[in-house]
C-alpha atoms as a PDB file:
ATOM      1  CA  ILE A   1     -16.523 195.977  50.243  1.00  0.00           C
ATOM      2  CA  ALA A   2     -15.592 198.798  52.618  1.00  0.00           C
ATOM      3  CA  HIS A   3     -18.171 201.050  50.967  1.00  0.00           C
ATOM      4  CA  ALA A   4     -20.776 198.315  51.248  1.00  0.00           C
ATOM      5  CA  VAL A   5     -20.114 197.766  54.942  1.00  0.00           C
ATOM      6  CA  LYS A   6     -19.940 201.480  55.720  1.00  0.00           C
ATOM      7  CA  TYR A   7     -23.228 202.270  53.971  1.00  0.00           C
ATOM      8  CA  GLY A   8     -25.165 199.019  54.287  1.00  0.00           C
ATOM      9  CA  ILE A   9     -25.317 198.647  50.529  1.00  0.00           C
ATOM     10  CA  ARG A  10     -24.660 195.594  48.348  1.00  0.00           C
ATOM     11  CA  PRO A  11     -21.024 195.445  47.169  1.00  0.00           C
ATOM     12  CA  GLU A  12     -21.868 195.851  43.486  1.00  0.00           C
ATOM     13  CA  TYR A  13     -23.482 199.212  44.340  1.00  0.00           C
ATOM     14  CA  GLY A  14     -20.720 200.279  46.723  1.00  0.00           C
ATOM     15  CA  SER A  15     -19.449 202.973  44.365  1.00  0.00           C
ATOM     16  CA  LEU A  16     -22.608 204.995  45.068  1.00  0.00           C
ATOM     17  CA  ALA A  17     -21.451 205.341  48.656  1.00  0.00           C
ATOM     18  CA  GLY A  18     -18.226 206.864  47.365  1.00  0.00           C
ATOM     19  CA  ILE A  19     -19.945 210.038  46.197  1.00  0.00           C
ATOM     20  CA  LYS A  20     -18.727 212.709  48.589  1.00  0.00           C
ATOM     21  CA  GLY A  21     -21.616 213.975  50.732  1.00  0.00           C
ATOM     22  CA  ILE A  22     -24.243 211.513  49.470  1.00  0.00           C
ATOM     23  CA  GLY A  23     -24.863 209.660  52.739  1.00  0.00           C
ATOM     24  CA  HIS A  24     -26.248 206.172  53.216  1.00  0.00           C
ATOM     25  CA  ILE A  25     -29.934 207.000  52.727  1.00  0.00           C
ATOM     26  CA  ARG A  26     -29.396 208.769  49.421  1.00  0.00           C
ATOM     27  CA  ALA A  27     -26.912 206.134  48.229  1.00  0.00           C
ATOM     28  CA  ASN A  28     -29.511 203.453  48.901  1.00  0.00           C
ATOM     29  CA  LEU A  29     -32.185 205.460  47.063  1.00  0.00           C
ATOM     30  CA  LEU A  30     -29.874 205.711  44.045  1.00  0.00           C
ATOM     31  CA  LYS A  31     -29.245 201.963  44.296  1.00  0.00           C
ATOM     32  CA  GLU A  32     -32.995 201.286  44.188  1.00  0.00           C
ATOM     33  CA  VAL A  33     -33.340 203.514  41.113  1.00  0.00           C
ATOM     34  CA  LEU A  34     -30.566 201.641  39.289  1.00  0.00           C
ATOM     35  CA  ILE A  35     -32.026 198.255  40.210  1.00  0.00           C
ATOM     36  CA  GLU A  36     -35.535 199.146  39.065  1.00  0.00           C
ATOM     37  CA  SER A  37     -34.325 200.736  35.831  1.00  0.00           C
ATOM     38  CA  LYS A  38     -31.947 197.806  35.166  1.00  0.00           C
ATOM     39  CA  VAL A  39     -28.958 200.130  34.804  1.00  0.00           C
ATOM     40  CA  ASN A  40     -25.588 198.719  35.839  1.00  0.00           C
ATOM     41  CA  PRO A  41     -23.939 200.524  38.729  1.00  0.00           C
ATOM     42  CA  PRO A  42     -20.720 202.414  38.091  1.00  0.00           C
ATOM     43  CA  GLY A  43     -17.495 200.804  39.220  1.00  0.00           C
ATOM     44  CA  ILE A  44     -15.439 201.883  42.200  1.00  0.00           C
ATOM     45  CA  GLY A  45     -13.242 204.787  41.148  1.00  0.00           C
ATOM     46  CA  GLU A  46     -15.256 205.669  38.048  1.00  0.00           C
ATOM     47  CA  PRO A  47     -15.639 209.400  37.399  1.00  0.00           C
ATOM     48  CA  THR A  48     -18.733 210.815  39.072  1.00  0.00           C
ATOM     49  CA  ALA A  49     -19.404 212.673  35.808  1.00  0.00           C
ATOM     50  CA  SER A  50     -20.113 209.319  34.122  1.00  0.00           C
ATOM     51  CA  PHE A  51     -22.767 208.493  36.703  1.00  0.00           C
ATOM     52  CA  LEU A  52     -24.255 211.974  36.374  1.00  0.00           C
ATOM     53  CA  ASP A  53     -24.466 211.449  32.602  1.00  0.00           C
ATOM     54  CA  ILE A  54     -26.280 208.130  33.148  1.00  0.00           C
ATOM     55  CA  MET A  55     -28.759 209.790  35.505  1.00  0.00           C
ATOM     56  CA  GLU A  56     -29.444 212.446  32.855  1.00  0.00           C
ATOM     57  CA  SER A  57     -29.479 210.270  29.726  1.00  0.00           C
ATOM     58  CA  GLU A  58     -31.640 207.536  31.242  1.00  0.00           C
ATOM     59  CA  LYS A  59     -33.980 210.143  32.778  1.00  0.00           C
ATOM     60  CA  LEU A  60     -33.609 208.529  36.187  1.00  0.00           C
ATOM     61  CA  TYR A  61     -34.483 211.622  38.204  1.00  0.00           C
ATOM     62  CA  ASP A  62     -38.214 210.993  37.688  1.00  0.00           C
ATOM     63  CA  LEU A  63     -37.879 207.501  39.138  1.00  0.00           C
ATOM     64  CA  LEU A  64     -35.737 208.922  41.950  1.00  0.00           C
ATOM     65  CA  LEU A  65     -38.553 211.361  42.744  1.00  0.00           C
ATOM     66  CA  GLU A  66     -41.000 208.450  43.008  1.00  0.00           C
ATOM     67  CA  LYS A  67     -38.615 206.562  45.315  1.00  0.00           C
ATOM     68  CA  VAL A  68     -38.095 209.595  47.546  1.00  0.00           C
ATOM     69  CA  ILE A  69     -41.852 210.103  47.875  1.00  0.00           C
ATOM     70  CA  ASP A  70     -42.423 206.408  48.585  1.00  0.00           C
ATOM     71  CA  TYR A  71     -39.483 205.607  50.881  1.00  0.00           C
ATOM     72  CA  ARG A  72     -39.272 208.871  52.793  1.00  0.00           C
ATOM     73  CA  SER A  73     -43.001 209.658  52.885  1.00  0.00           C
ATOM     74  CA  LEU A  74     -42.461 213.198  51.644  1.00  0.00           C
ATOM     75  CA  SER A  75     -44.867 215.479  49.837  1.00  0.00           C
ATOM     76  CA  THR A  76     -44.166 215.972  46.150  1.00  0.00           C
ATOM     77  CA  GLU A  77     -42.753 219.442  46.824  1.00  0.00           C
ATOM     78  CA  ARG A  78     -40.402 218.253  49.590  1.00  0.00           C
ATOM     79  CA  ALA A  79     -39.396 215.251  47.474  1.00  0.00           C
ATOM     80  CA  ARG A  80     -38.518 217.558  44.567  1.00  0.00           C
ATOM     81  CA  GLU A  81     -36.330 219.580  46.932  1.00  0.00           C
ATOM     82  CA  GLU A  82     -34.591 216.364  48.041  1.00  0.00           C
ATOM     83  CA  VAL A  83     -34.008 215.254  44.442  1.00  0.00           C
ATOM     84  CA  GLY A  84     -32.615 218.738  43.773  1.00  0.00           C
ATOM     85  CA  LYS A  85     -30.182 218.285  46.671  1.00  0.00           C
ATOM     86  CA  ILE A  86     -29.079 214.905  45.327  1.00  0.00           C
ATOM     87  CA  ARG A  87     -28.597 216.366  41.858  1.00  0.00           C
ATOM     88  CA  LYS A  88     -26.562 219.234  43.350  1.00  0.00           C
ATOM     89  CA  ILE A  89     -24.340 216.766  45.248  1.00  0.00           C
ATOM     90  CA  LEU A  90     -23.696 214.912  41.993  1.00  0.00           C
ATOM     91  CA  LEU A  91     -22.971 218.147  40.122  1.00  0.00           C
ATOM     92  CA  ASN A  92     -20.611 219.342  42.864  1.00  0.00           C
ATOM     93  CA  ASN A  93     -18.726 216.049  42.562  1.00  0.00           C
ATOM     94  CA  ARG A  94     -18.671 216.017  38.765  1.00  0.00           C
ATOM     95  CA  ARG A  95     -14.861 216.208  38.682  1.00  0.00           C
ATOM     96  CA  GLY A  96     -14.470 213.596  41.409  1.00  0.00           C
ATOM     97  CA  TYR A  97     -14.427 209.828  41.562  1.00  0.00           C
ATOM     98  CA  MET A  98     -16.869 207.331  42.992  1.00  0.00           C
ATOM     99  CA  VAL A  99     -14.743 206.251  45.910  1.00  0.00           C
ATOM    100  CA  ASP A 100     -14.568 207.438  49.515  1.00  0.00           C
ATOM    101  CA  ASP A 101     -11.423 209.522  50.138  1.00  0.00           C
ATOM    102  CA  LYS A 102     -10.521 207.822  53.413  1.00  0.00           C
ATOM    103  CA  ILE A 103     -11.100 204.325  52.073  1.00  0.00           C
ATOM    104  CA  LEU A 104      -9.065 205.197  48.976  1.00  0.00           C
ATOM    105  CA  LEU A 105      -6.145 206.429  51.062  1.00  0.00           C
ATOM    106  CA  ALA A 106      -6.339 203.415  53.388  1.00  0.00           C
ATOM    107  CA  PHE A 107      -6.221 201.079  50.391  1.00  0.00           C
ATOM    108  CA  GLY A 108      -3.288 203.016  48.952  1.00  0.00           C
ATOM    109  CA  LEU A 109      -1.444 202.736  52.264  1.00  0.00           C
ATOM    110  CA  PHE A 110      -2.160 199.009  52.325  1.00  0.00           C
ATOM    111  CA  LEU A 111      -0.731 198.561  48.819  1.00  0.00           C
ATOM    112  CA  GLU A 112       2.168 200.994  48.888  1.00  0.00           C
ATOM    113  CA  GLY A 113       2.822 202.005  52.452  1.00  0.00           C
ATOM    114  CA  PRO A 114       3.680 205.617  53.343  1.00  0.00           C
ATOM    115  CA  SER A 115       4.508 206.544  49.733  1.00  0.00           C
ATOM    116  CA  ALA A 116       0.742 206.529  49.055  1.00  0.00           C
ATOM    117  CA  MET A 117       0.505 209.741  51.094  1.00  0.00           C
ATOM    118  CA  LYS A 118       2.372 211.559  48.303  1.00  0.00           C
ATOM    119  CA  ARG A 119      -0.003 210.454  45.566  1.00  0.00           C
ATOM    120  CA  THR A 120      -2.874 212.524  44.198  1.00  0.00           C
ATOM    121  CA  LYS A 121      -6.406 211.204  44.381  1.00  0.00           C
ATOM    122  CA  LYS A 122      -6.308 210.492  40.643  1.00  0.00           C
ATOM    123  CA  GLU A 123      -3.119 208.457  41.075  1.00  0.00           C
ATOM    124  CA  LEU A 124      -4.665 206.499  43.954  1.00  0.00           C
ATOM    125  CA  VAL A 125      -7.752 205.780  41.848  1.00  0.00           C
ATOM    126  CA  GLU A 126      -5.510 204.430  39.073  1.00  0.00           C
ATOM    127  CA  LEU A 127      -3.715 202.331  41.672  1.00  0.00           C
ATOM    128  CA  ILE A 128      -6.953 200.644  42.784  1.00  0.00           C
ATOM    129  CA  ARG A 129      -8.086 200.099  39.198  1.00  0.00           C
ATOM    130  CA  TRP A 130      -4.922 198.129  38.453  1.00  0.00           C
ATOM    131  CA  SER A 131      -4.942 196.120  41.679  1.00  0.00           C
END
């Protein structure tokens, strides 16, 4: 819910907002691609690599290019550059998780108190998955 509020995105697509560096415009573009292609969104805390694999295997970058051209009124060349930036953000986060770091820590503090500060990001992700 925190992702959804922060990025103005429906809660079921909130994990997209958890990709470090994606921003609300790009997260919403990815949401539109998933909706149109009827692909389920990844869950909060899922590995970003899984989402990257979905983007590749479902060939969603072509649809993303169309959305960027349409929604942002960019030329094809500029839209390709933007899709390249989005792809690079996903690749740079391949080892990460689809959850905002600050929201993750806040949730950990809510559940465990100060001891959450000693946990790794992976441990905090596991904590939210089991809550």
